Amino acid sequence: MADKTKDNQQVLKDVVKQICPDYKSFEDDQATKPGIMQNPDNSYCKWIANNPEKGYERFIKEYISFIITNCYIEKFEGIRKIVISRPHRIVLKQLFAYVHGLFDSTLDTNRGLLLIGPTGSGKTLIVKFIREYMLAVQHQSCYRIYSFQDLYDDMQANGMKSGLLQDMTYAKATHARGFKEMKPRTIMIDDIGTKATQTKNYGNSIAPLDTLINTRSTIFTENKILTHATSNVPLNELVNNHLSDDRLIGRFLQMFQAIELNYKINLRV
């Protein structure tokens, strides 16, 4: 186990050096050490605003560590190398700027992300990593991840009374005085567009994606609360074949900005 841990650390350093050529050592700058990410005063985010290049190196280190620790260690005896392609690096740079609201971000931080790509491009990996990263640096959960497949099945069984649809719309917030209220929250929907446009509940036709987009777009417009999503379906096909009318298409495009992941994560074992 010790040898495997040592090998993983070497892979980690090799990949960070591959992506950030000027990177020297994890210990070079006191501000990049893990402890600063645990401070409740948001000092890490403040530091990144003044040191974006060093912050990006740290972001990459956390991302590669996440791949090694959470995704592939159980599948392989060891990883000799992880190759991060140029398109992959561009996406990571965009996401880093988006997450920290940096001025040079090509993404609008007031709109949700729609990650589109084939199986193996790491869509779900990225959304899980961003959630864990934001929890570490901002000390709050930025979104909960839901499966569109689960919503489709629940609406097929329960129609508009779907408990999952309600949960994807509102969260129960418990206050200090003990009472609860329902309030909108940011969510991530995994694999939209993977099921038929419509289904039936006891003979009644329902369109789960239409219903979800209609509900979430209202929350977006009235409360400025974001929805993120992933999909295997190209954007043109998604809006033209999986949404029922121009009104919903307009709402969908207003809510989301698409990032196409035209690559696969390349692991060598």
Foldseek 3Di string as FASTA:
>chain_A
DVVQVVQLVVQLVVVLCVLQVVDDDCPPDPLLDLVVLQDQVLVNLVVCQVVVSVVLSSLSSLLSCLCCPPPPVVPDVHFNYWDQDPLNSVVSSLVSCLLSVHPPRPDDVLAAAEEEEAPQLCPVSVVVSSQVSCCRNNVDGQAEEEEVVVQVVQCQAVNPVRPVLQCQAWDWDADPVGDTDTDGHEYEYEAPPPDAQWHHHVNHIDGRVQVSLVRVLVCCVPPSHAYYYYHHDDPVCCLPHNYDDPVSSVSVVVRYDYDYRYDHTDTHD
